[in-house]
Protein backbone atom coordinates (compact mmCIF):
# COMPACT_ATOMS: atom_id res chain seq x y z
CA UNK A 1 -48.34 28.59 -19.65
CA UNK A 2 -47.42 30.15 -16.36
CA UNK A 3 -45.59 26.96 -14.96
CA UNK A 4 -43.77 26.48 -18.33
CA UNK A 5 -42.82 30.06 -18.12
CA UNK A 6 -41.53 29.81 -14.49
CA UNK A 7 -39.83 26.34 -15.35
CA UNK A 8 -37.77 28.02 -18.28
CA UNK A 9 -37.16 31.19 -16.29
CA UNK A 10 -35.46 29.20 -13.50
CA UNK A 11 -33.56 27.00 -16.01
CA UNK A 12 -32.37 30.21 -17.88
CA UNK A 13 -31.08 31.72 -14.77
CA UNK A 14 -29.28 28.35 -13.43
CA UNK A 15 -27.72 27.75 -16.97
CA UNK A 16 -26.76 31.06 -18.66
CA UNK A 17 -23.88 32.00 -16.15
CA UNK A 18 -21.58 29.40 -17.29
CA UNK A 19 -22.15 30.53 -20.89
CA UNK A 20 -21.19 34.10 -19.93
CA UNK A 21 -18.32 33.28 -17.69
CA UNK A 22 -14.54 33.40 -18.27
CA UNK A 23 -15.00 29.79 -20.13
CA UNK A 24 -17.42 30.99 -22.59
CA UNK A 25 -14.88 30.36 -25.64
CA UNK A 26 -14.62 26.82 -24.91
CA UNK A 27 -18.16 26.53 -23.62
CA UNK A 28 -19.76 27.96 -26.69
CA UNK A 29 -17.62 25.92 -28.89
CA UNK A 30 -18.41 22.50 -27.34
CA UNK A 31 -22.23 23.52 -27.26
CA UNK A 32 -21.90 24.65 -30.91
CA UNK A 33 -20.18 21.28 -31.82
CA UNK A 34 -22.65 19.22 -29.70
CA UNK A 35 -25.64 20.88 -31.70
CA UNK A 36 -24.05 20.56 -34.94
CA UNK A 37 -23.38 16.83 -34.23
CA UNK A 38 -27.19 16.45 -33.23
CA UNK A 39 -28.19 17.64 -36.44
CA UNK A 40 -25.63 15.73 -38.37
CA UNK A 41 -27.30 12.69 -36.74
CA UNK A 42 -30.80 14.09 -37.96
CA UNK A 43 -29.45 14.31 -41.42
CA UNK A 44 -28.19 10.83 -41.48
CA UNK A 45 -31.46 9.40 -40.41
CA UNK A 46 -32.88 11.32 -43.38
CA UNK A 47 -30.33 9.61 -45.55
CA UNK A 48 -31.04 6.22 -44.14
CA UNK A 49 -34.96 6.92 -44.56
CA UNK A 50 -34.45 7.56 -48.34
CA UNK A 51 -32.09 4.66 -48.50
CA UNK A 52 -34.66 2.32 -46.94
CA UNK A 53 -37.24 3.07 -49.84
CA UNK A 54 -34.58 2.43 -52.49
CA UNK A 55 -33.33 -0.69 -50.81
CA UNK A 56 -36.74 -2.25 -50.48
CA UNK A 57 -37.95 -1.27 -53.79
CA UNK A 58 -34.74 -3.13 -55.21
CA UNK A 59 -35.90 -6.27 -53.32
CA UNK A 60 -39.33 -6.05 -54.63
CA UNK A 61 -38.07 -5.54 -58.10
CA UNK A 62 -35.38 -8.10 -57.67
CA UNK A 63 -32.71 -5.74 -59.03
CA UNK A 64 -29.39 -7.37 -57.85
CA UNK A 65 -27.31 -4.63 -59.19
CA UNK A 66 -29.25 -1.89 -57.46
CA UNK A 67 -29.42 -4.18 -54.17
CA UNK A 68 -25.54 -4.34 -53.72
CA UNK A 69 -25.13 -0.67 -54.85
CA UNK A 70 -27.20 0.22 -52.04
CA UNK A 71 -25.44 -2.31 -49.54
CA UNK A 72 -22.19 -0.33 -50.45
CA UNK A 73 -23.91 2.88 -49.88
CA UNK A 74 -25.16 1.90 -46.47
CA UNK A 75 -21.65 0.79 -45.48
CA UNK A 76 -20.41 4.33 -46.05
CA UNK A 77 -23.44 5.87 -44.27
CA UNK A 78 -23.15 3.40 -41.33
CA UNK A 79 -19.14 4.23 -41.18
CA UNK A 80 -20.44 8.05 -40.98
CA UNK A 81 -23.08 7.31 -38.30
CA UNK A 82 -20.30 5.57 -35.99
CA UNK A 83 -17.94 8.52 -36.21
CA UNK A 84 -20.77 10.92 -35.56
CA UNK A 85 -22.09 8.68 -32.75
CA UNK A 86 -18.45 8.64 -31.21
CA UNK A 87 -17.88 12.20 -31.44
CA UNK A 88 -21.32 12.93 -29.83
CA UNK A 89 -20.18 10.60 -27.02
CA UNK A 90 -17.09 12.70 -26.51
CA UNK A 91 -18.16 16.34 -26.99
CA UNK A 92 -21.38 16.57 -25.02
CA UNK A 93 -20.00 14.70 -21.90
CA UNK A 94 -16.81 16.79 -21.83
CA UNK A 95 -18.94 19.94 -21.82
CA UNK A 96 -20.98 18.64 -19.00
CA UNK A 97 -17.68 17.65 -17.03
CA UNK A 98 -16.23 21.32 -17.48
CA UNK A 99 -19.63 22.94 -16.77
CA UNK A 100 -19.94 20.99 -13.60
CA UNK A 101 -16.35 21.98 -12.67
CA UNK A 102 -17.40 25.43 -12.95
CA UNK A 103 -20.54 25.07 -11.24
CA UNK A 104 -19.21 23.62 -8.43
CA UNK A 105 -16.21 26.17 -7.86
CA UNK A 106 -18.86 28.96 -8.29
CA UNK A 107 -21.29 27.20 -5.80
CA UNK A 108 -18.67 26.29 -3.44
CA UNK A 109 -17.38 30.12 -3.33
CA UNK A 110 -20.79 31.15 -2.98
CA UNK A 111 -21.52 28.67 0.05
CA UNK A 112 -18.22 29.68 1.74
CA UNK A 113 -18.26 33.49 1.10
CA UNK A 114 -19.22 35.53 3.79
CA UNK A 115 -19.59 32.43 5.96
CA UNK A 116 -22.75 31.63 4.13
CA UNK A 117 -22.28 27.84 5.17
CA UNK A 118 -22.36 29.01 8.67
CA UNK A 119 -25.46 31.18 8.47
CA UNK A 120 -27.28 28.19 6.87
CA UNK A 121 -26.59 25.84 9.42
CA UNK A 122 -27.49 28.36 12.18
CA UNK A 123 -30.78 29.21 10.74
CA UNK A 124 -31.50 25.70 9.29
CA UNK A 125 -32.82 27.35 6.06
CA UNK A 126 -32.05 24.41 3.62
CA UNK A 127 -31.22 20.75 4.17
CA UNK A 128 -28.33 18.71 2.91
CA UNK A 129 -26.23 21.12 1.23
CA UNK A 130 -23.62 18.80 0.59
CA UNK A 131 -25.92 16.85 -1.56
CA UNK A 132 -26.97 19.84 -3.53
CA UNK A 133 -23.50 20.50 -4.38
CA UNK A 134 -22.24 17.01 -5.08
CA UNK A 135 -25.31 15.62 -7.11
CA UNK A 136 -27.59 18.31 -7.98
CA UNK A 137 -25.07 20.39 -9.60
CA UNK A 138 -23.83 17.26 -11.96
CA UNK A 139 -27.64 16.30 -12.62
CA UNK A 140 -28.23 20.05 -13.76
CA UNK A 141 -25.76 19.76 -16.56
CA UNK A 142 -26.66 16.14 -17.31
CA UNK A 143 -30.30 16.74 -17.69
CA UNK A 144 -30.05 20.00 -19.37
CA UNK A 145 -27.61 18.73 -22.14
CA UNK A 146 -29.73 15.61 -22.57
CA UNK A 147 -33.22 17.36 -22.96
CA UNK A 148 -31.64 20.34 -24.92
CA UNK A 149 -30.13 18.21 -27.39
CA UNK A 150 -33.03 15.82 -27.51
CA UNK A 151 -35.35 18.77 -28.15
CA UNK A 152 -33.01 20.24 -31.02
CA UNK A 153 -32.88 16.78 -32.46
CA UNK A 154 -36.89 16.39 -32.26
CA UNK A 155 -37.36 19.67 -33.96
CA UNK A 156 -34.87 19.13 -36.55
CA UNK A 157 -36.32 15.49 -37.09
CA UNK A 158 -39.94 17.00 -37.08
CA UNK A 159 -38.90 19.71 -39.81
CA UNK A 160 -37.08 16.94 -42.07
CA UNK A 161 -39.63 14.13 -41.81
CA UNK A 162 -42.88 16.13 -41.87
CA UNK A 163 -42.04 17.33 -45.24
CA UNK A 164 -40.97 13.75 -46.28
CA UNK A 165 -44.51 12.48 -44.76
CA UNK A 166 -46.54 15.30 -46.30
CA UNK A 167 -45.31 14.29 -49.66
CA UNK A 168 -45.35 10.26 -49.03
CA UNK A 169 -48.79 10.16 -47.68
CA UNK A 170 -50.69 12.13 -50.31
CA UNK A 171 -54.29 13.13 -50.25
CA UNK A 172 -57.11 11.47 -48.20
CA UNK A 173 -60.70 11.68 -49.65
CA UNK A 174 -63.42 11.88 -47.10
CA UNK A 175 -66.11 11.04 -49.85
CA UNK A 176 -66.47 7.44 -48.51
CA UNK A 177 -68.00 8.70 -45.46
CA UNK A 178 -70.28 11.39 -47.29
CA UNK A 179 -68.16 14.37 -46.88
CA UNK A 180 -66.71 16.22 -49.90
CA UNK A 181 -63.35 17.26 -48.62
CA UNK A 182 -59.90 16.07 -49.13
CA UNK A 183 -57.20 16.13 -46.57
CA UNK A 184 -53.87 16.83 -47.96
CA UNK A 185 -50.77 15.23 -46.38
CA UNK A 186 -53.27 13.17 -44.08
CA UNK A 187 -50.45 11.17 -42.51
CA UNK A 188 -48.84 14.19 -41.36
CA UNK A 189 -52.02 15.55 -39.63
CA UNK A 190 -52.64 12.19 -38.02
CA UNK A 191 -49.45 11.96 -36.62
CA UNK A 192 -49.50 15.45 -35.17
CA UNK A 193 -52.96 14.70 -33.43
CA UNK A 194 -51.88 11.40 -32.13
CA UNK A 195 -48.58 12.78 -30.64
CA UNK A 196 -50.54 16.07 -29.18
CA UNK A 197 -53.23 13.71 -27.47
CA UNK A 198 -50.59 11.50 -26.14
CA UNK A 199 -48.66 14.26 -24.65
CA UNK A 200 -51.56 15.76 -22.92
CA UNK A 201 -52.48 12.12 -21.31
CA UNK A 202 -48.73 11.60 -20.32
CA UNK A 203 -48.68 14.79 -18.37
CA UNK A 204 -52.11 13.77 -16.30
CA UNK A 205 -50.31 10.49 -15.70
CA UNK A 206 -46.86 11.87 -14.65
CA UNK A 207 -47.20 15.30 -13.36
CA UNK A 208 -46.81 13.70 -9.59
CA UNK A 209 -43.08 12.98 -10.21
CA UNK A 210 -42.13 16.33 -9.77
CA UNK A 211 -42.93 16.62 -6.02
CA UNK A 212 -42.05 12.85 -5.48
CA UNK A 213 -38.64 13.48 -6.85
CA UNK A 214 -37.99 16.36 -4.99
CA UNK A 215 -38.74 14.33 -1.91
CA UNK A 216 -36.81 11.51 -3.19
CA UNK A 217 -33.52 13.63 -2.99
CA UNK A 218 -34.15 15.01 0.36
CA UNK A 219 -34.98 11.48 2.10
CA UNK A 220 -31.92 10.02 0.34
CA UNK A 221 -29.61 12.99 1.62
CA UNK A 222 -31.21 12.65 5.09
CA UNK A 223 -30.47 8.90 5.23
CA UNK A 224 -26.89 9.29 4.10
CA UNK A 225 -26.62 12.10 6.56
CA UNK A 226 -27.58 9.94 9.44
CA UNK A 227 -25.42 7.06 8.59
CA UNK A 228 -22.36 9.67 8.33
CA UNK A 229 -23.26 10.70 12.02
CA UNK A 230 -23.05 7.14 13.46
CA UNK A 231 -19.69 6.61 11.59
CA UNK A 232 -18.58 9.91 13.21
CA UNK A 233 -19.70 9.42 16.52
CA UNK A 234 -19.09 5.89 16.81
CA UNK A 235 -17.28 5.92 20.13
CA UNK A 236 -20.20 7.88 21.79
CA UNK A 237 -22.78 5.53 20.61
CA UNK A 238 -20.72 2.37 21.83
CA UNK A 239 -20.19 4.21 25.32
CA UNK A 240 -24.04 4.85 25.66
CA UNK A 241 -24.97 1.49 24.27
CA UNK A 242 -27.05 3.28 21.83
CA UNK A 243 -27.01 0.62 18.97
CA UNK A 244 -30.76 -0.03 19.08
CA UNK A 245 -31.71 3.54 19.43
CA UNK A 246 -29.56 4.45 16.19
CA UNK A 247 -30.81 1.30 14.46
CA UNK A 248 -34.42 2.56 15.06
CA UNK A 249 -33.75 6.10 13.82
CA UNK A 250 -31.65 4.94 10.74
CA UNK A 251 -34.65 2.48 9.75
CA UNK A 252 -37.27 5.27 10.53
CA UNK A 253 -35.14 7.62 7.82
CA UNK A 254 -35.11 4.80 5.53
CA UNK A 255 -38.77 4.13 5.65
CA UNK A 256 -39.20 7.74 4.32
CA UNK A 257 -37.04 6.65 1.45
CA UNK A 258 -38.84 3.40 0.82
CA UNK A 259 -42.27 4.93 1.27
CA UNK A 260 -41.43 7.88 -1.41
CA UNK A 261 -39.46 5.48 -3.40
CA UNK A 262 -42.69 3.01 -3.66
CA UNK A 263 -44.79 5.99 -4.82
CA UNK A 264 -42.31 7.10 -7.40
CA UNK A 265 -42.24 3.42 -8.47
CA UNK A 266 -46.10 3.26 -8.97
CA UNK A 267 -46.36 6.61 -10.56
CA UNK A 268 -43.48 5.57 -12.94
CA UNK A 269 -45.04 2.19 -13.72
CA UNK A 270 -48.26 3.83 -14.65
CA UNK A 271 -46.27 6.22 -17.03
CA UNK A 272 -44.29 3.40 -18.53
CA UNK A 273 -47.44 1.39 -19.00
CA UNK A 274 -48.96 4.36 -20.94
CA UNK A 275 -45.49 5.12 -22.69
CA UNK A 276 -45.04 1.50 -23.88
CA UNK A 277 -48.52 1.07 -25.11
CA UNK A 278 -48.27 4.54 -26.94
CA UNK A 279 -44.91 3.27 -28.58
CA UNK A 280 -46.34 -0.19 -29.53
CA UNK A 281 -49.33 1.14 -31.24
CA UNK A 282 -47.27 3.59 -33.00
CA UNK A 283 -45.39 0.79 -34.72
CA UNK A 284 -48.26 -0.77 -36.74
CA UNK A 285 -50.43 2.35 -37.02
CA UNK A 286 -48.67 3.65 -40.00
CA UNK A 287 -48.72 0.35 -41.76
CA UNK A 288 -52.36 0.20 -41.12
CA UNK A 289 -53.13 3.64 -42.67
CA UNK A 290 -50.91 2.96 -45.85
CA UNK A 291 -51.90 -0.72 -46.20
CA UNK A 292 -55.01 0.04 -48.51
CA UNK A 293 -53.01 2.16 -50.98
CA UNK A 294 -50.25 -0.33 -51.01
CA UNK A 295 -52.69 -3.15 -51.74
CA UNK A 296 -54.38 -1.08 -54.38
CA UNK A 297 -50.89 -0.70 -56.16
CA UNK A 298 -50.86 3.11 -55.50
CA UNK A 299 -47.77 2.93 -53.81
CA UNK A 300 -44.65 0.46 -53.86
CA UNK A 301 -43.36 -1.64 -50.82
CA UNK A 302 -40.32 0.77 -50.57
CA UNK A 303 -42.62 3.79 -50.30
CA UNK A 304 -44.67 1.93 -47.62
CA UNK A 305 -41.76 1.31 -45.59
CA UNK A 306 -40.34 4.85 -46.04
CA UNK A 307 -43.76 6.16 -45.05
CA UNK A 308 -43.85 3.93 -41.93
CA UNK A 309 -40.36 5.13 -41.20
CA UNK A 310 -40.74 8.84 -41.42
CA UNK A 311 -44.12 8.53 -39.49
CA UNK A 312 -42.15 6.69 -36.61
CA UNK A 313 -39.33 9.67 -36.72
CA UNK A 314 -42.38 12.18 -36.81
CA UNK A 315 -43.95 10.74 -34.07
CA UNK A 316 -40.95 10.27 -32.02
CA UNK A 317 -40.33 13.86 -32.29
CA UNK A 318 -43.62 15.02 -31.30
CA UNK A 319 -43.49 12.61 -28.36
CA UNK A 320 -40.59 14.19 -27.01
CA UNK A 321 -42.46 15.51 -24.01
CA UNK A 322 -43.69 12.05 -23.62
CA UNK A 323 -40.59 10.14 -23.55
CA UNK A 324 -38.76 12.47 -21.43
CA UNK A 325 -41.10 13.36 -18.73
CA UNK A 326 -39.55 11.51 -16.11
CA UNK A 327 -36.21 13.59 -16.87
CA UNK A 328 -38.19 16.76 -16.89
CA UNK A 329 -39.69 16.06 -13.64
CA UNK A 330 -36.42 15.32 -12.14
CA UNK A 331 -34.64 18.66 -13.72
CA UNK A 332 -37.44 20.39 -11.86
CA UNK A 333 -36.72 18.90 -8.62
CA UNK A 334 -33.02 19.75 -9.15
CA UNK A 335 -33.77 23.15 -10.21
CA UNK A 336 -35.92 23.86 -7.02
CA UNK A 337 -33.16 22.49 -4.67
CA UNK A 338 -30.49 24.79 -6.30
CA UNK A 339 -32.57 27.73 -6.29
CA UNK A 340 -33.42 27.11 -2.59
CA UNK A 341 -29.68 26.64 -2.01
CA UNK A 342 -28.79 30.10 -3.73
CA UNK A 343 -31.51 31.79 -1.72
CA UNK A 344 -30.33 30.47 1.38
CA UNK A 345 -26.80 31.46 0.74
CA UNK A 346 -27.66 35.03 -0.03
CA UNK A 347 -30.12 35.46 2.81
CA UNK A 348 -28.73 37.62 5.59
CA UNK A 349 -30.24 38.89 8.70
CA UNK A 350 -31.44 42.57 8.71
CA UNK A 351 -28.66 43.83 10.97
CA UNK A 352 -25.17 42.78 11.18
CA UNK A 353 -22.16 43.15 13.42
CA UNK A 354 -19.47 45.34 11.81
CA UNK A 355 -15.95 43.99 12.17
CA UNK A 356 -13.36 46.86 10.81
CA UNK A 357 -9.92 46.88 11.02
CA UNK A 358 -8.60 50.22 11.66
CA UNK A 359 -5.07 51.87 11.11
CA UNK A 360 -3.10 53.04 14.07
CA UNK A 361 -5.19 51.27 16.48
CA UNK A 362 -3.58 48.94 19.24
CA UNK A 363 -6.45 47.68 21.10
CA UNK A 364 -9.56 45.73 20.17
CA UNK A 365 -12.94 46.97 21.28
CA UNK A 366 -16.69 45.86 20.86
CA UNK A 367 -18.79 49.34 20.56
CA UNK A 368 -22.70 49.42 21.16
CA UNK A 369 -22.59 45.51 20.62
CA UNK A 370 -26.26 43.81 20.67
CA UNK A 371 -26.30 39.93 20.50
CA UNK A 372 -29.29 37.95 19.80
CA UNK A 373 -30.29 34.19 19.31
CA UNK A 374 -31.41 33.10 15.91
CA UNK A 375 -35.13 33.17 17.36
CA UNK A 376 -34.72 36.82 18.12
CA UNK A 377 -34.31 36.67 21.72
CA UNK A 378 -31.69 39.21 23.00
CA UNK A 379 -28.66 38.14 24.84
CA UNK A 380 -26.56 41.44 25.20
CA UNK A 381 -27.41 45.14 24.40
CA UNK A 382 -25.29 48.14 23.74
CA UNK A 383 -22.22 46.56 25.17
CA UNK A 384 -19.02 48.53 25.27
CA UNK A 385 -15.88 46.21 25.83
CA UNK A 386 -12.60 47.48 25.42
CA UNK A 387 -9.45 45.12 25.19
CA UNK A 388 -6.24 46.76 25.86
CA UNK A 389 -3.11 45.20 24.36
CA UNK A 390 -1.11 43.40 26.82
CA UNK A 391 -3.69 42.89 29.30
CA UNK A 392 -4.89 39.21 29.38
CA UNK A 393 -8.71 39.02 30.12
CA UNK A 394 -10.83 35.98 31.46
CA UNK A 395 -14.57 36.07 30.66
CA UNK A 396 -16.59 33.62 32.69
CA UNK A 397 -20.31 33.14 33.52
CA UNK A 398 -22.99 30.24 34.02
CA UNK A 399 -23.52 28.09 31.00
CA UNK A 400 -26.26 29.65 28.75
CA UNK A 401 -25.37 33.47 29.73
CA UNK A 402 -23.97 33.90 26.09
CA UNK A 403 -20.06 33.56 26.70
CA UNK A 404 -19.63 31.70 23.51
CA UNK A 405 -21.83 33.88 21.45
CA UNK A 406 -19.54 37.02 22.51
CA UNK A 407 -16.89 35.10 21.35
CA UNK A 408 -18.31 34.42 17.89
CA UNK A 409 -19.56 38.07 17.82
CA UNK A 410 -15.70 39.29 18.58
CA UNK A 411 -14.55 36.77 15.83
CA UNK A 412 -17.18 38.43 13.25
CA UNK A 413 -19.09 35.04 12.67
CA UNK A 414 -22.20 35.63 14.66
CA UNK A 415 -24.70 37.06 12.05
CA UNK A 416 -27.69 37.92 14.68
CA UNK A 417 -26.95 41.24 16.28
CA UNK A 418 -25.54 44.81 15.65
CA UNK A 419 -22.88 47.10 16.69
CA UNK A 420 -19.16 47.40 15.90
CA UNK A 421 -16.14 45.27 16.81
CA UNK A 422 -12.75 47.39 16.16
CA UNK A 423 -9.56 45.48 15.63
CA UNK A 424 -5.99 46.84 14.68
CA UNK A 425 -5.18 46.61 11.02
CA UNK A 426 -3.03 44.03 9.98
CA UNK A 427 -3.16 42.29 13.34
CA UNK A 428 -2.88 38.36 13.64
CA UNK A 429 -5.76 37.24 15.29
CA UNK A 430 -6.40 33.52 16.10
CA UNK A 431 -9.70 32.15 17.70
CA UNK A 432 -9.68 28.77 19.34
CA UNK A 433 -12.78 27.22 19.98
CA UNK A 434 -13.61 24.31 22.65
CA UNK A 435 -13.87 21.64 19.98
CA UNK A 436 -10.93 22.56 17.31
CA UNK A 437 -11.39 22.00 13.71
CA UNK A 438 -8.59 19.66 12.38
CA UNK A 439 -8.60 19.19 8.53
CA UNK A 440 -7.84 15.93 7.13
CA UNK A 441 -4.22 15.44 5.98
CA UNK A 442 -0.95 15.51 7.13
CA UNK A 443 -0.12 16.35 10.80
CA UNK A 444 2.00 19.15 9.82
CA UNK A 445 -0.67 20.81 7.94
CA UNK A 446 -3.09 20.53 10.62
CA UNK A 447 -0.72 22.37 13.03
CA UNK A 448 0.04 25.12 10.32
CA UNK A 449 -3.69 25.47 9.76
CA UNK A 450 -5.25 28.27 8.83
CA UNK A 451 -2.04 29.64 7.77
CA UNK A 452 -1.45 28.13 4.38
CA UNK A 453 1.52 30.32 3.67
CA UNK A 454 3.21 29.61 7.14
CA UNK A 455 6.99 29.34 7.12
CA UNK A 456 7.13 27.36 10.17
CA UNK A 457 9.85 24.59 10.02
CA UNK A 458 9.50 21.23 11.22
CA UNK A 459 11.72 21.94 13.89
CA UNK A 460 9.16 24.59 15.03
CA UNK A 461 6.34 22.72 14.79
CA UNK A 462 8.08 19.70 16.80
CA UNK A 463 9.05 22.38 19.67
CA UNK A 464 5.17 23.40 19.84
CA UNK A 465 4.14 19.67 20.05
CA UNK A 466 6.68 19.00 22.95
CA UNK A 467 5.46 22.24 24.69
CA UNK A 468 1.95 21.19 24.70
CA UNK A 469 2.54 17.40 25.68
CA UNK A 470 2.22 16.01 22.32
CA UNK A 471 5.94 15.10 21.76
CA UNK A 472 4.93 11.34 20.88
CA UNK A 473 3.35 12.90 17.65
CA UNK A 474 6.47 14.42 16.46
CA UNK A 475 7.44 11.64 14.25
CA UNK A 476 4.06 11.36 12.38
CA UNK A 477 4.21 14.96 10.77
CA UNK A 478 4.03 13.23 7.40
CA UNK A 479 1.07 10.93 8.37
CA UNK A 480 -2.06 11.54 6.68
CA UNK A 481 -5.26 10.74 8.93
CA UNK A 482 -8.67 11.89 10.06
CA UNK A 483 -6.92 13.50 13.19
CA UNK A 484 -10.47 13.92 14.92
CA UNK A 485 -10.92 10.38 15.03
CA UNK A 486 -7.01 9.52 16.05
CA UNK A 487 -6.82 12.04 19.11
CA UNK A 488 -8.74 12.29 22.08
CA UNK A 489 -10.67 15.51 22.98
CA UNK A 490 -7.56 16.52 25.29
CA UNK A 491 -5.16 15.88 22.50
CA UNK A 492 -7.21 17.76 20.30
CA UNK A 493 -7.13 20.82 22.41
CA UNK A 494 -3.43 20.54 22.87
CA UNK A 495 -2.98 20.56 19.21
CA UNK A 496 -4.92 23.84 18.70
CA UNK A 497 -2.39 25.17 21.52
CA UNK A 498 0.38 24.17 19.40
CA UNK A 499 -1.18 25.55 16.48
CA UNK A 500 -1.32 28.89 18.25
CA UNK A 501 2.51 28.70 19.31
CA UNK A 502 3.26 28.05 15.68
CA UNK A 503 0.90 30.79 14.37
CA UNK A 504 2.13 33.51 16.92
CA UNK A 505 -0.86 35.62 16.75
CA UNK A 506 -0.94 39.25 17.93
CA UNK A 507 -4.59 38.59 19.71
CA UNK A 508 -5.32 34.96 21.02
CA UNK A 509 -9.09 34.32 21.94
CA UNK A 510 -9.67 30.98 23.63
CA UNK A 511 -13.53 29.63 24.34
CA UNK A 512 -13.30 27.04 26.84
CA UNK A 513 -10.10 25.82 24.81
CA UNK A 514 -8.50 23.88 27.77
CA UNK A 515 -11.86 22.48 29.20
CA UNK A 516 -10.93 18.75 28.20
CA UNK A 517 -7.55 19.16 30.09
CA UNK A 518 -6.91 18.15 33.73
CA UNK A 519 -5.72 21.23 35.68
CA UNK A 520 -1.99 20.37 35.61
CA UNK A 521 -2.28 19.99 31.64
CA UNK A 522 -4.17 23.27 31.55
CA UNK A 523 -1.58 25.07 33.60
CA UNK A 524 1.29 23.43 31.30
CA UNK A 525 -0.61 24.87 28.07
CA UNK A 526 -1.16 28.32 29.52
CA UNK A 527 2.56 28.46 30.99
CA UNK A 528 3.88 27.70 27.59
CA UNK A 529 1.53 30.08 25.97
CA UNK A 530 2.71 32.91 28.10
CA UNK A 531 6.38 32.08 27.84
CA UNK A 532 6.38 31.30 24.00
CA UNK A 533 4.06 34.21 22.86
CA UNK A 534 5.04 37.13 25.23
CA UNK A 535 3.80 39.59 22.75
CA UNK A 536 0.45 38.11 22.48
CA UNK A 537 -2.72 39.31 24.14
CA UNK A 538 -5.02 36.51 25.37
CA UNK A 539 -8.77 36.62 25.93
CA UNK A 540 -10.19 33.54 27.27
CA UNK A 541 -13.65 32.13 28.04
CA UNK A 542 -13.72 29.52 30.81
CA UNK A 543 -15.49 28.30 34.07
CA UNK A 544 -12.34 26.91 36.30
CA UNK A 545 -11.21 29.26 39.04
CA UNK A 546 -7.64 27.79 38.18
CA UNK A 547 -7.89 30.22 34.94
CA UNK A 548 -7.98 33.25 36.91
CA UNK A 549 -4.00 33.41 37.54
CA UNK A 550 -3.26 33.52 33.98
CA UNK A 551 -5.14 36.64 33.40
CA UNK A 552 -5.02 40.40 34.73
CA UNK A 553 -8.68 41.09 34.14
CA UNK A 554 -11.83 39.24 34.91
CA UNK A 555 -15.07 39.97 33.49
CA UNK A 556 -18.26 38.17 34.59
CA UNK A 557 -21.19 37.70 32.00
CA UNK A 558 -24.59 37.55 34.17
CA UNK A 559 -28.00 36.70 32.78
CA UNK A 560 -31.35 35.56 34.00
CA UNK A 561 -33.67 33.16 31.84
CA UNK A 562 -35.57 35.48 29.40
CA UNK A 563 -33.44 38.74 30.26
CA UNK A 564 -30.76 40.79 28.67
CA UNK A 565 -27.34 39.84 30.10
CA UNK A 566 -24.80 42.06 31.61
CA UNK A 567 -20.87 42.00 31.57
CA UNK A 568 -19.64 43.18 35.01
CA UNK A 569 -15.84 43.49 35.80
CA UNK A 570 -14.83 41.65 38.92
CA UNK A 571 -12.25 43.48 40.70
CA UNK A 572 -8.75 41.77 41.57
């Protein structure tokens, strides 16, 4: 019972938000419609069951008039059944489609809000978030609607046909075996015992599917991710002649898929063997039980077939758990993955760096800034770093001293640390990392990113491209491409510099933003940034001595392995 309660509790927490959201009027309407159509289907089954008795009695009695009358009645029933079936094929899928749209928006916002996506990648708290959003959200609605409507149909069928079965089966006397007792509605009791025992045995056979399906989704996502990695890093792999290494790694990933898939296959085969045997026995069982009364003349052939039909409906309703065990196992795995995603997106370090805009402030300053790695190892402690407007600053230091971490802290994205970063209220701030992000789309949009409201004209963009040595791209502003794959590393950094010229920030932070350029190209980029952005304060992180002449102030970050770093000002 505890496991059932946990399952229902997790399911309720995942499902109910949509039906309480701003879309609740149409969501509830569609849900009620789907439920009503489900009950309508059960009602039609009851009518078909009663028609079954009348139709076969007309054949047994050779009553031609009644026979043709029942054929006409069947035609009307069939037409109504078709309409209900088509309506069900529209209403429930449409609800699932709208539900998935809302869930996707909700989970994407939750993932992107407060840079949860960044923390998850840093902390490696869950795997394959993309798969959880793209597939698990779809399966949550799909399995929920299928199982919910199936359960309601089973309950309605059970209530409707159990009464019919009770009335048709009559009493069973145990006197022939020496017991002075009569069981009323014995077929109903036999059906109930048959289904309960069957459900218990199905659980013993199929419960291994829950962890196996959870791992199946993980292994499939890992394999797909590895394939994408090869595609995105095709040039590097080719230059290293790493094809065999990648082939080995991909096959190792697929071995996980295969081995888990084989375990799923064998478990499903065992469950299918049990389910098919259970279902086949249920076909003949009611005829075996009712045959003595039929041959004794106590019931007609129509009553016998109606009883068998009612038994089948009740047995099917009571066997809902058996028939849907695989779907329930997959739903449990989906829920576990979505629950894990929610926990990871909500998880935040105990301390945080406070980045606060302040009115009337002209400079940027870090106060009592403490930075650490995800492992907890301290990089910097109680750092005070004033950055005055109009004074360009270069931060340099050996690799691994924490320069890029300081850059991320000033950007307000590093979650491991404490202290405060003060920035002028309303200031336009732009951070250029060593590997710039370039969205898939037109080159024009790539240059304007991230300012979606940019009013920069094509002339402004063309000038920025020429200023950074990308004049050959001016005629390709409308071209849609995966620019990270089209442009070289140096061209990508030039494009980021052109983006800065178009954005016109008040503060420009650059982390090794020209490391892929030669010294002449680097000088050209800095010269153009200085000339075209005279009111922009630049803060750079870099190694090259040639960067020194473009900055008024030099800070050096020093840190011994395992020690806390220090930031030292180097005199001019």
